[in-house]
Protein backbone atom coordinates (compact mmCIF):
# COMPACT_ATOMS: atom_id res chain seq x y z
CA MET A 1 35.13 75.49 39.27
CA SER A 2 31.45 76.21 39.18
CA GLY A 3 29.67 78.02 41.95
CA ARG A 4 27.82 81.18 42.79
CA ARG A 5 28.84 84.03 40.53
CA LYS A 6 31.11 86.49 42.38
CA THR A 7 29.68 89.95 42.99
CA TYR A 8 33.09 91.57 42.54
CA GLN A 9 35.05 90.07 39.59
CA VAL A 10 38.49 91.40 38.84
CA LYS A 11 38.91 92.52 35.28
CA LEU A 12 42.23 94.14 34.25
CA THR A 13 43.25 96.07 31.18
CA GLN A 14 46.53 95.22 29.47
CA ALA A 15 48.20 98.22 31.16
CA GLN A 16 46.83 97.24 34.59
CA GLN A 17 47.94 93.66 34.08
CA GLU A 18 51.49 94.66 33.27
CA GLN A 19 51.62 97.18 36.15
CA LEU A 20 50.44 94.67 38.74
CA GLN A 21 52.74 91.96 37.45
CA GLN A 22 55.72 94.32 37.69
CA LEU A 23 54.73 95.38 41.19
CA GLY A 24 54.36 91.76 42.27
CA THR A 25 57.80 90.73 41.04
CA ALA A 26 59.87 93.82 41.67
CA ARG A 27 62.53 93.29 44.38
CA LYS A 28 62.02 96.70 45.95
CA SER A 29 58.23 96.56 46.15
CA PRO A 30 56.78 96.49 49.67
CA GLN A 31 55.73 92.95 50.44
CA SER A 32 52.20 93.91 51.36
CA LEU A 33 51.61 95.61 47.96
CA ALA A 34 53.37 92.77 46.06
CA LYS A 35 51.14 90.18 47.67
CA ARG A 36 47.97 92.10 46.81
CA ALA A 37 49.11 92.57 43.22
CA LYS A 38 49.77 88.85 42.82
CA ALA A 39 46.36 87.97 44.21
CA LEU A 40 44.56 90.36 41.81
CA VAL A 41 46.46 89.01 38.80
CA ILE A 42 45.48 85.45 39.75
CA CYS A 43 41.87 86.47 40.21
CA ALA A 44 41.81 88.15 36.80
CA ASN A 45 43.50 85.22 34.99
CA ASN A 46 41.39 82.57 36.79
CA PRO A 47 37.85 83.96 37.20
CA ASP A 48 36.44 80.53 38.15
CA TRP A 49 38.80 80.06 41.09
CA THR A 50 37.45 80.37 44.62
CA ASP A 51 38.90 82.78 47.14
CA ALA A 52 40.38 79.82 49.01
CA GLN A 53 42.31 78.65 45.92
CA VAL A 54 43.71 82.18 45.34
CA ALA A 55 44.61 82.44 49.04
CA LYS A 56 46.57 79.17 48.84
CA GLU A 57 48.67 80.53 45.98
CA VAL A 58 49.61 83.70 47.79
CA GLN A 59 49.72 82.23 51.31
CA GLY A 60 46.84 84.28 52.67
CA SER A 61 43.29 83.76 53.84
CA ALA A 62 40.08 83.60 51.83
CA ALA A 63 38.70 86.61 53.73
CA TRP A 64 41.84 88.62 52.86
CA VAL A 65 41.43 87.77 49.13
CA ARG A 66 37.76 88.69 49.28
CA LYS A 67 38.60 92.03 50.91
CA TRP A 68 41.17 93.09 48.29
CA ARG A 69 39.09 91.83 45.38
CA LYS A 70 36.25 94.06 46.59
CA ARG A 71 38.60 96.98 47.32
CA TRP A 72 40.08 96.82 43.82
CA CYS A 73 36.71 96.72 42.09
CA GLN A 74 35.53 99.71 44.08
CA THR A 75 38.64 101.95 44.13
CA GLN A 76 41.22 100.48 41.68
CA CYS A 77 43.70 100.98 44.53
CA LEU A 78 46.07 98.69 46.50
CA GLU A 79 46.74 101.10 49.37
CA GLU A 80 45.15 100.78 52.82
CA ALA A 81 42.09 102.85 53.41
CA PRO A 82 42.48 105.86 55.76
CA ARG A 83 41.82 105.04 59.38
CA SER A 84 40.20 107.24 61.90
CA GLY A 85 42.37 105.95 64.72
CA CYS A 86 41.58 105.42 68.34
CA PRO A 87 39.39 108.13 69.92
CA ARG A 88 41.18 110.62 72.17
CA LYS A 89 41.45 109.54 75.80
CA PHE A 90 42.51 112.99 77.11
CA LEU A 91 41.10 116.44 76.56
CA PRO A 92 43.33 119.13 75.05
CA ASN A 93 43.68 120.82 78.40
CA VAL A 94 45.51 117.76 79.81
CA ARG A 95 48.15 117.94 77.09
CA ALA A 96 48.43 121.72 77.64
CA SER A 97 48.96 121.06 81.37
CA VAL A 98 51.81 118.66 80.62
CA THR A 99 53.52 121.30 78.44
CA ALA A 100 52.96 124.02 81.05
CA LEU A 101 54.35 121.85 83.83
CA ALA A 102 57.41 120.91 81.80
CA CYS A 103 58.13 124.62 81.30
CA THR A 104 57.85 125.32 85.04
CA GLN A 105 60.54 124.90 87.70
CA PRO A 106 59.66 122.09 90.13
CA SER A 107 60.40 124.42 93.04
CA GLN A 108 57.51 126.66 91.96
CA MET A 109 55.21 123.68 92.56
CA ASN A 110 56.87 122.92 95.95
CA VAL A 111 58.36 119.79 94.50
CA PRO A 112 61.94 119.01 95.74
CA LEU A 113 63.41 118.34 92.28
CA ALA A 114 65.94 120.06 90.10
CA ARG A 115 64.35 119.00 86.82
CA TRP A 116 61.15 117.24 85.80
CA SER A 117 61.16 113.72 84.43
CA CYS A 118 58.26 112.30 82.43
CA SER A 119 57.20 110.05 85.31
CA GLU A 120 57.32 112.97 87.75
CA ILE A 121 55.18 115.11 85.46
CA ALA A 122 52.58 112.35 85.16
CA SER A 123 52.57 111.87 88.98
CA GLN A 124 52.21 115.61 89.54
CA LEU A 125 49.19 115.78 87.19
CA ILE A 126 47.56 112.95 89.08
CA THR A 127 48.32 114.68 92.41
CA LEU A 128 46.79 117.89 91.15
CA GLY A 129 43.61 115.98 90.17
CA ILE A 130 43.86 116.90 86.47
CA VAL A 131 43.78 113.22 85.41
CA VAL A 132 43.10 109.93 87.09
CA SER A 133 45.90 108.11 85.40
CA LEU A 134 48.56 109.04 82.81
CA ALA A 135 51.24 106.85 81.28
CA THR A 136 54.86 108.04 81.30
CA VAL A 137 55.17 107.20 77.62
CA THR A 138 52.24 109.45 76.84
CA VAL A 139 53.96 112.36 78.51
CA TRP A 140 57.19 111.58 76.71
CA ARG A 141 55.35 111.49 73.32
CA TRP A 142 53.61 114.81 73.93
CA LEU A 143 56.83 116.56 75.02
CA LYS A 144 58.72 115.12 72.06
CA ALA A 145 56.09 116.55 69.72
CA GLU A 146 56.57 119.90 71.41
CA LYS A 147 60.39 119.58 71.14
CA LEU A 148 60.69 119.98 74.90
CA LYS A 149 63.68 118.42 76.69
CA GLN A 150 63.05 119.34 80.29
CA GLU A 151 65.51 116.76 81.58
CA ARG A 152 68.46 118.49 79.89
CA PHE A 153 70.14 121.77 80.78
CA HIS A 154 72.59 124.08 79.10
CA SER A 155 74.99 126.34 81.06
CA TRP A 156 75.31 129.95 80.06
CA MET A 157 76.64 133.16 81.58
CA HIS A 158 75.38 136.69 81.11
CA PRO A 159 78.25 139.19 80.65
CA MET A 160 78.98 140.89 83.96
CA ASP A 161 81.49 143.44 82.58
CA GLU A 162 79.67 146.63 81.63
CA HIS A 163 82.44 147.34 79.08
CA PHE A 164 82.31 143.82 77.58
CA VAL A 165 81.92 144.95 73.92
CA ALA A 166 84.63 147.62 74.20
CA LYS A 167 87.10 145.15 75.75
CA ALA A 168 86.27 142.17 73.49
CA THR A 169 86.39 144.11 70.20
CA PRO A 170 90.19 144.55 69.95
CA ILE A 171 90.71 140.90 70.90
CA LEU A 172 88.39 139.64 68.13
CA LYS A 173 90.14 141.96 65.67
CA LEU A 174 93.49 140.45 66.60
CA TYR A 175 92.09 136.94 66.10
CA ALA A 176 90.83 137.87 62.65
CA GLN A 177 94.13 139.51 61.60
CA ALA A 178 96.64 137.22 63.38
CA SER A 179 97.92 135.48 60.22
CA PHE A 180 98.56 138.85 58.52
CA LEU A 181 100.10 140.48 61.60
CA ILE A 182 102.67 137.73 62.14
CA LYS A 183 104.10 138.43 58.68
CA ALA A 184 104.67 142.05 59.69
CA GLY A 185 106.36 141.03 62.98
CA PHE A 186 103.31 141.39 65.26
CA TRP A 187 102.77 138.18 67.26
CA VAL A 188 99.33 137.43 68.78
CA VAL A 189 99.59 135.06 71.74
CA CYS A 190 96.95 133.72 74.12
CA VAL A 191 98.38 132.86 77.57
CA ASP A 192 96.90 131.14 80.59
CA GLU A 193 97.58 128.40 83.06
CA LYS A 194 95.93 125.02 83.72
CA THR A 195 96.21 124.66 87.46
CA SER A 196 96.42 121.72 89.86
CA ILE A 197 96.83 118.92 87.28
CA GLN A 198 96.82 115.89 89.51
CA ALA A 199 99.17 112.91 89.05
CA GLY A 200 96.99 110.02 90.12
CA HIS A 201 98.39 106.49 90.19
CA PRO A 202 95.62 103.84 90.11
CA LEU A 203 95.98 101.02 92.61
CA HIS A 204 95.38 98.53 89.77
CA PRO A 205 96.83 98.87 86.22
CA THR A 206 94.65 100.36 83.50
CA GLU A 207 93.43 97.79 80.98
CA PRO A 208 93.19 98.63 77.30
CA PRO A 209 89.89 98.15 75.44
CA ASN A 210 88.88 94.98 73.66
CA PRO A 211 86.02 94.17 71.25
CA SER A 212 83.65 93.56 74.19
CA HIS A 213 84.72 96.15 76.76
CA PRO A 214 85.97 99.73 76.94
CA VAL A 215 89.11 100.88 78.77
CA HIS A 216 89.05 99.70 82.41
CA VAL A 217 90.35 102.21 84.96
CA ALA A 218 90.58 101.55 88.72
CA PRO A 219 88.49 104.11 90.70
CA ARG A 220 90.94 104.08 93.61
CA TYR A 221 94.31 105.80 93.18
CA GLU A 222 97.16 107.34 95.13
CA ARG A 223 97.87 111.06 94.79
CA GLN A 224 101.40 111.76 93.57
CA GLY A 225 101.18 115.54 93.69
CA ALA A 226 100.10 118.19 91.18
CA LEU A 227 101.59 120.47 88.57
CA ASN A 228 100.60 123.76 87.01
CA LEU A 229 100.91 124.11 83.25
CA PHE A 230 101.62 127.58 81.89
CA ALA A 231 100.87 127.60 78.15
CA ALA A 232 100.74 130.04 75.23
CA LEU A 233 98.94 129.60 71.94
CA SER A 234 100.22 131.29 68.80
CA VAL A 235 96.95 132.29 67.21
CA ALA A 236 98.38 132.53 63.66
CA GLU A 237 99.68 128.90 63.51
CA GLY A 238 98.06 127.10 66.45
CA LEU A 239 101.48 126.26 67.95
CA ILE A 240 101.69 125.68 71.70
CA TYR A 241 104.50 126.69 74.09
CA GLY A 242 104.38 125.37 77.65
CA LEU A 243 106.16 125.20 80.97
CA CYS A 244 105.29 123.13 84.04
CA ARG A 245 105.76 124.63 87.47
CA ASP A 246 105.13 123.33 90.97
CA ASN A 247 103.39 126.55 92.05
CA LYS A 248 101.07 129.08 90.55
CA LYS A 249 102.42 132.47 91.54
CA PHE A 250 103.49 135.62 89.76
CA ILE A 251 107.11 134.54 89.91
CA ASP A 252 106.13 131.34 88.02
CA PHE A 253 104.36 133.40 85.35
CA GLN A 254 107.51 135.56 85.11
CA ALA A 255 109.57 132.41 84.56
CA PHE A 256 107.27 131.32 81.76
CA ILE A 257 107.64 134.68 80.02
CA LEU A 258 111.43 134.77 80.39
CA GLU A 259 112.16 131.11 79.70
CA VAL A 260 109.61 130.36 76.96
CA LEU A 261 108.03 133.35 75.28
CA VAL A 262 111.01 135.74 75.16
CA PRO A 263 113.42 133.20 73.52
CA GLU A 264 110.74 132.31 70.97
CA ALA A 265 110.11 135.98 70.22
CA ILE A 266 113.85 136.49 69.71
CA ARG A 267 114.01 133.46 67.43
CA ARG A 268 111.03 134.74 65.41
CA ARG A 269 112.46 138.28 65.34
CA VAL A 270 109.12 139.84 66.10
CA ARG A 271 108.66 143.49 66.75
CA HIS A 272 105.66 143.39 69.04
CA ILE A 273 103.82 140.77 71.12
CA TYR A 274 100.08 141.06 71.84
CA LEU A 275 99.67 139.08 75.07
CA ILE A 276 95.99 138.11 75.56
CA LEU A 277 95.28 137.31 79.22
CA ASP A 278 92.34 136.79 81.55
CA ASN A 279 92.01 138.54 84.90
CA GLY A 280 93.64 135.87 87.04
CA SER A 281 95.72 136.81 90.09
CA THR A 282 98.81 135.26 88.53
CA HIS A 283 99.08 138.08 86.02
CA ALA A 284 97.19 140.99 87.60
CA PRO A 285 97.34 144.15 85.48
CA LYS A 286 99.22 146.40 87.92
CA GLN A 287 102.10 144.13 88.85
CA LEU A 288 102.49 142.73 85.32
CA LEU A 289 102.64 146.11 83.62
CA ASP A 290 105.27 147.40 86.09
CA TRP A 291 107.33 144.25 85.71
CA LEU A 292 107.23 144.31 81.90
CA LYS A 293 108.27 147.99 81.84
CA GLN A 294 111.19 147.23 84.16
CA LYS A 295 112.33 144.22 82.13
CA GLN A 296 112.08 146.17 78.88
CA LEU A 297 114.58 148.69 80.23
CA GLU A 298 116.89 146.03 81.82
CA GLN A 299 117.01 143.52 78.97
CA GLU A 300 116.77 145.96 76.09
CA TRP A 301 114.51 143.65 74.11
CA GLN A 302 114.17 144.33 70.45
CA PHE A 303 110.42 143.93 70.80
CA THR A 304 107.66 145.26 72.99
CA ILE A 305 105.03 143.29 74.93
CA GLU A 306 101.50 144.66 75.13
CA PRO A 307 99.19 142.81 77.54
CA ILE A 308 95.47 142.85 76.59
CA TRP A 309 93.09 141.68 79.31
CA LEU A 310 89.84 139.91 78.56
CA PRO A 311 86.53 141.20 79.96
CA LYS A 312 85.81 139.91 83.43
CA TYR A 313 84.35 136.37 83.52
CA ALA A 314 85.00 135.93 79.77
CA SER A 315 87.76 133.32 79.70
CA TRP A 316 85.82 131.59 76.93
CA LEU A 317 87.16 134.31 74.63
CA ASP A 318 90.70 133.02 75.26
CA GLN A 319 91.64 130.48 72.55
CA ILE A 320 94.12 128.71 74.84
CA GLU A 321 91.10 127.42 76.82
CA ILE A 322 90.12 125.39 73.78
CA TRP A 323 93.52 123.75 73.75
CA PHE A 324 93.26 123.05 77.46
CA SER A 325 90.05 121.12 76.79
CA ILE A 326 91.95 119.08 74.19
CA VAL A 327 94.66 118.26 76.76
CA GLN A 328 92.03 117.20 79.29
CA ARG A 329 90.33 114.82 76.80
CA LYS A 330 93.31 113.34 75.05
CA LEU A 331 96.00 113.17 77.77
CA LEU A 332 94.60 113.66 81.27
CA THR A 333 91.51 111.46 81.04
CA PRO A 334 91.78 108.87 82.43
CA ASN A 335 94.28 110.08 85.02
CA ASP A 336 97.08 107.49 85.18
CA PHE A 337 100.51 108.90 86.06
CA PRO A 338 102.87 107.12 88.49
CA ASN A 339 104.52 110.39 89.62
CA ARG A 340 104.82 114.12 88.86
CA GLU A 341 107.86 113.74 86.69
CA THR A 342 106.02 111.37 84.41
CA LEU A 343 103.15 113.83 84.24
CA ARG A 344 105.57 116.62 83.37
CA GLU A 345 107.22 114.53 80.66
CA ARG A 346 103.92 113.51 79.05
CA LEU A 347 102.63 117.06 79.06
CA MET A 348 105.65 118.36 77.26
CA ALA A 349 105.61 115.36 74.89
CA PHE A 350 101.96 116.06 74.15
CA ILE A 351 102.79 119.67 73.26
CA ALA A 352 105.45 118.44 70.84
CA HIS A 353 103.07 115.93 69.34
CA HIS A 354 100.41 118.61 68.94
CA ASN A 355 102.83 121.07 67.31
CA ALA A 356 103.89 118.48 64.72
CA SER A 357 100.47 118.88 63.06
CA ALA A 358 99.25 122.15 64.55
CA LYS A 359 96.64 124.22 62.79
CA PRO A 360 95.13 127.57 63.77
CA ILE A 361 91.83 127.37 65.59
CA LYS A 362 88.86 128.13 63.38
CA TRP A 363 87.44 131.01 65.40
CA SER A 364 83.83 131.65 64.44
CA TYR A 365 82.78 134.32 66.91
CA THR A 366 83.07 137.64 65.12
CA ILE A 367 82.65 141.29 66.01
CA ALA A 368 79.46 141.48 63.89
CA GLN A 369 77.90 138.60 65.87
CA MET A 370 78.82 140.23 69.14
CA GLN A 371 77.46 143.60 68.22
CA LYS A 372 74.23 142.06 66.94
CA LYS A 373 73.75 140.13 70.16
CA PHE A 374 74.61 142.89 72.61
CA ALA A 375 73.03 145.76 70.76
CA THR A 376 69.80 145.21 72.77
CA ASN A 377 71.28 143.47 75.81
CA LEU A 378 73.75 146.08 76.94
């Protein structure tokens, strides 16, 4: 078609022709690049075509064809040109104020909040007169770039026992050597109790999940009483030994030792038991040591029991606490037990189920890590 000669005529070498044709037909090419490549090939093969004719072939506009024909002749490139972007609406000090506010407790600003939200931060900056208006999404974007999550919190506890390292070291050594000690007749056992396990009977039956809904549990229930689970974890194998009692007293702990641990120790023919305990009142050091010494003389056990108490407020060092969390997740939540006897039966059945495939806990906290952390903190 005759007409005014185009200022920018597309001329391709053989290599460029093949490259653009491949780009335009490849299945994994971005559609924007494929469309531009097809338009340039058509322009090169049909120099007399108008931009409108080329646009019809590639389903674009004449202005779009004219733009990429000019871009190719000037840069030999199909990529978008760099863009400067929208000019900044806020000065750097506004963004710095957002970050500083997110790192400040709301109470320090006389704001009755526990934690900042993005909308509260924006409102506070407006109240302080730093900005006239500020979108919540802008605050969220800035805090995300700074990797700040002011709405979340993580619980932690500073060691309150001045002899924490000295008390924790022998326990961590026993955890590391438990599998070797058991072969020599030295049994490492973590013992504790999970108290006040409620038997709650929902007023309406629990409904199982279906493809559209999760498990449905009635929020109203009748209390059917509570049980206390005394449990021991064999560190070497991950096996659990348990006993349910109505009360949580020293006499109940004695019953657990005599009815559960002692028979198992006799069956295993161990020579020594390392009993790892926290500082709970159920097994206070003074009364437990005196009782064990008396029973050792009365019963003439072929093994000795050595209690080892954890540092104060350091129950997280007791491996049995990990198993208690498993019980809570897998058996006790949601709470649906018609009576205490059913709760007792299911607890003991869960222990048997767990022991069928028990494995030792992969304990990762080592003495080296502890010494490295507390070398400067204690």
